[in-house]
Protein backbone atom coordinates (compact mmCIF):
# COMPACT_ATOMS: atom_id res chain seq x y z
CA MET A 1 29.59 102.35 104.58
CA THR A 2 30.89 101.35 101.66
CA GLY A 3 34.09 104.30 102.93
CA HIS A 4 36.67 102.95 105.01
CA SER A 5 36.34 103.57 108.66
CA PHE A 6 38.58 105.16 111.50
CA GLU A 7 40.32 101.39 112.08
CA GLU A 8 40.62 100.93 108.21
CA PHE A 9 43.58 103.37 107.65
CA THR A 10 46.95 102.63 108.24
CA LEU A 11 50.11 105.08 108.34
CA GLY A 12 51.97 105.52 105.50
CA GLN A 13 48.34 104.24 102.99
CA VAL A 14 48.69 104.97 99.80
CA PHE A 15 45.29 105.98 97.38
CA GLU A 16 46.17 106.87 93.90
CA THR A 17 43.01 108.75 92.00
CA GLU A 18 41.74 109.04 88.08
CA GLY A 19 42.67 111.39 86.69
CA ILE A 20 40.94 114.93 85.26
CA THR A 21 41.65 116.53 81.92
CA LEU A 22 41.28 120.35 82.34
CA THR A 23 39.94 122.45 79.28
CA GLU A 24 39.80 126.74 78.67
CA ALA A 25 36.53 126.38 78.26
CA MET A 26 36.50 124.86 82.62
CA ILE A 27 38.89 127.10 83.52
CA ILE A 28 37.11 130.15 82.46
CA GLY A 29 34.22 129.18 83.80
CA PHE A 30 35.40 128.07 87.10
CA ALA A 31 37.98 131.40 87.62
CA PHE A 32 34.27 134.15 86.30
CA GLN A 33 32.45 132.71 89.31
CA TYR A 34 34.75 132.37 91.90
CA ASP A 35 38.30 133.94 91.03
CA PRO A 36 38.46 136.13 88.63
CA GLN A 37 41.31 136.37 87.88
CA PRO A 38 43.43 138.06 84.10
CA PHE A 39 45.43 135.48 83.28
CA HIS A 40 42.38 132.32 84.69
CA LEU A 41 40.20 134.38 82.63
CA ASP A 42 41.85 136.35 79.33
CA ALA A 43 44.14 134.30 77.48
CA GLN A 44 45.00 137.30 75.49
CA ALA A 45 45.86 139.05 78.75
CA ALA A 46 47.03 135.99 79.69
CA SER A 47 50.06 136.34 77.79
CA GLN A 48 51.43 139.64 79.43
CA SER A 49 50.99 137.27 83.10
CA PRO A 50 53.70 136.77 84.70
CA TYR A 51 52.14 133.10 83.80
CA GLY A 52 52.91 133.76 80.26
CA GLY A 53 49.17 131.63 79.52
CA LEU A 54 45.77 131.36 80.50
CA ILE A 55 46.05 128.83 84.18
CA ALA A 56 43.24 126.98 86.96
CA SER A 57 42.96 129.05 89.47
CA GLY A 58 44.88 127.93 93.02
CA PHE A 59 41.62 127.36 94.20
CA GLN A 60 40.54 125.00 91.42
CA THR A 61 43.06 122.78 91.78
CA LEU A 62 41.77 122.18 95.51
CA ALA A 63 38.35 121.44 94.59
CA LEU A 64 39.17 118.85 92.41
CA THR A 65 41.93 117.19 93.84
CA PHE A 66 39.57 116.33 96.52
CA ARG A 67 36.42 115.72 93.90
CA LEU A 68 39.11 113.38 93.00
CA PHE A 69 39.79 111.61 96.05
CA ARG A 70 36.27 111.86 96.55
CA ASP A 71 35.54 110.17 93.70
CA THR A 72 36.98 106.50 95.16
CA GLY A 73 35.18 106.03 97.43
CA VAL A 74 37.30 106.09 100.65
CA LEU A 75 35.27 108.12 102.61
CA THR A 76 32.24 107.00 100.96
CA GLY A 77 29.77 106.88 103.78
CA THR A 78 32.09 106.68 105.84
CA GLY A 79 33.32 110.75 106.51
CA LEU A 80 31.92 112.99 108.63
CA GLY A 81 34.12 116.14 107.11
CA GLU A 82 37.54 118.07 107.01
CA ALA A 83 38.18 119.57 110.74
CA GLY A 84 40.79 121.93 108.40
CA GLY A 85 43.56 121.56 106.30
CA ASP A 86 47.96 122.52 106.35
CA GLU A 87 50.50 123.15 104.33
CA MET A 88 48.42 124.10 101.63
CA ARG A 89 51.43 124.86 98.83
CA TRP A 90 50.79 125.20 95.10
CA LEU A 91 53.98 124.05 93.72
CA ARG A 92 53.52 125.04 89.20
CA PRO A 93 50.14 126.54 87.23
CA VAL A 94 47.46 123.67 85.56
CA ARG A 95 46.91 125.27 82.13
CA PRO A 96 44.35 124.16 79.85
CA GLY A 97 45.19 120.63 78.62
CA ASP A 98 46.55 119.52 82.00
CA THR A 99 45.65 115.80 82.85
CA LEU A 100 45.93 116.42 87.10
CA ARG A 101 45.34 112.80 89.20
CA VAL A 102 46.09 112.46 93.58
CA LYS A 103 48.28 110.27 95.53
CA VAL A 104 46.69 110.53 98.88
CA ALA A 105 49.15 109.07 101.50
CA VAL A 106 47.86 109.11 105.25
CA ALA A 107 50.05 111.19 107.67
CA GLY A 108 48.23 110.90 110.75
CA LEU A 109 45.16 109.00 112.65
CA LEU A 110 43.86 110.21 115.98
CA PRO A 111 41.08 109.08 117.51
CA SER A 112 38.59 111.39 119.01
CA ARG A 113 37.50 112.29 122.32
CA ARG A 114 33.90 111.43 120.49
CA PRO A 115 33.82 107.65 121.30
CA ASP A 116 32.21 107.31 116.97
CA ARG A 117 34.60 108.85 115.04
CA GLY A 118 38.75 109.47 114.36
CA MET A 119 40.47 111.95 112.62
CA VAL A 120 42.44 111.15 109.87
CA ARG A 121 44.91 113.53 109.24
CA LEU A 122 45.53 112.99 104.31
CA ALA A 123 48.41 114.61 102.84
CA TYR A 124 47.16 114.78 99.12
CA THR A 125 49.84 115.44 95.88
CA THR A 126 48.47 116.54 92.94
CA LEU A 127 50.10 115.60 90.01
CA ASN A 128 49.98 116.39 86.12
CA GLN A 129 50.68 113.98 83.17
CA HIS A 130 54.56 114.58 83.89
CA GLY A 131 54.46 113.20 87.14
CA GLU A 132 54.76 116.65 88.60
CA ALA A 133 53.35 118.46 91.72
CA VAL A 134 51.22 121.28 91.15
CA MET A 135 50.08 121.95 94.68
CA VAL A 136 49.90 119.88 98.02
CA VAL A 137 47.15 119.99 100.99
CA THR A 138 47.51 118.47 103.96
CA LEU A 139 43.58 117.98 104.98
CA ASN A 140 42.00 116.63 108.33
CA HIS A 141 39.52 114.12 107.12
CA LEU A 142 36.51 112.54 110.67
CA VAL A 143 36.08 109.45 109.87
CA VAL A 144 33.53 107.27 111.97
CA ARG A 145 34.17 104.42 113.51
CA ARG A 146 33.31 100.99 113.19
CA THR A 147 33.73 100.07 116.55
CA PRO A 148 32.95 103.21 119.26
CA ALA A 149 35.75 103.11 121.77
C-alpha cells in the first residue's frame, strides 16, 4: 500500500493535483466517442451555440478530475472504488487551451460496517488556469483500513 489508509485521512485535509491542458483534439476526440453534441465536436457549429465556441464535455471534465486526483497516489493500493457522489455542478465551460487542476478536501469520514474499510467523502473542486472553479462534486470513496475495527 502506498496510498492513504482510512485512518490517515483527516477532516478538512486538502490535496492538490498537477494540471492538464486540454487541446481541441482532446475535446473533439472525447466528444466523438462519448458526448457527440455539436458544441463539443465542431468549432463552427459551436461558435453559433450559447457558448460561443468549442467546449469540453462536462463528463470529460469529470473524468479528468478523477484522473488528476488518481495520479497523486493518495488512493494507490488503498482505494476500493467509489460508492456514488453528490452535488455535481458544472460551473463554467472548459475550452481548448484551458489548464485544469483539482483541489480535493476531506469532507467526511465514516467507518464501514465491514471492518476492513471506511468511506471517505471527498469534495472535488476543479479549477482552470485563472483559479476559477469549473466543476464541483463530492464523491464517496471506499478505502482500506490499516487496522480493521
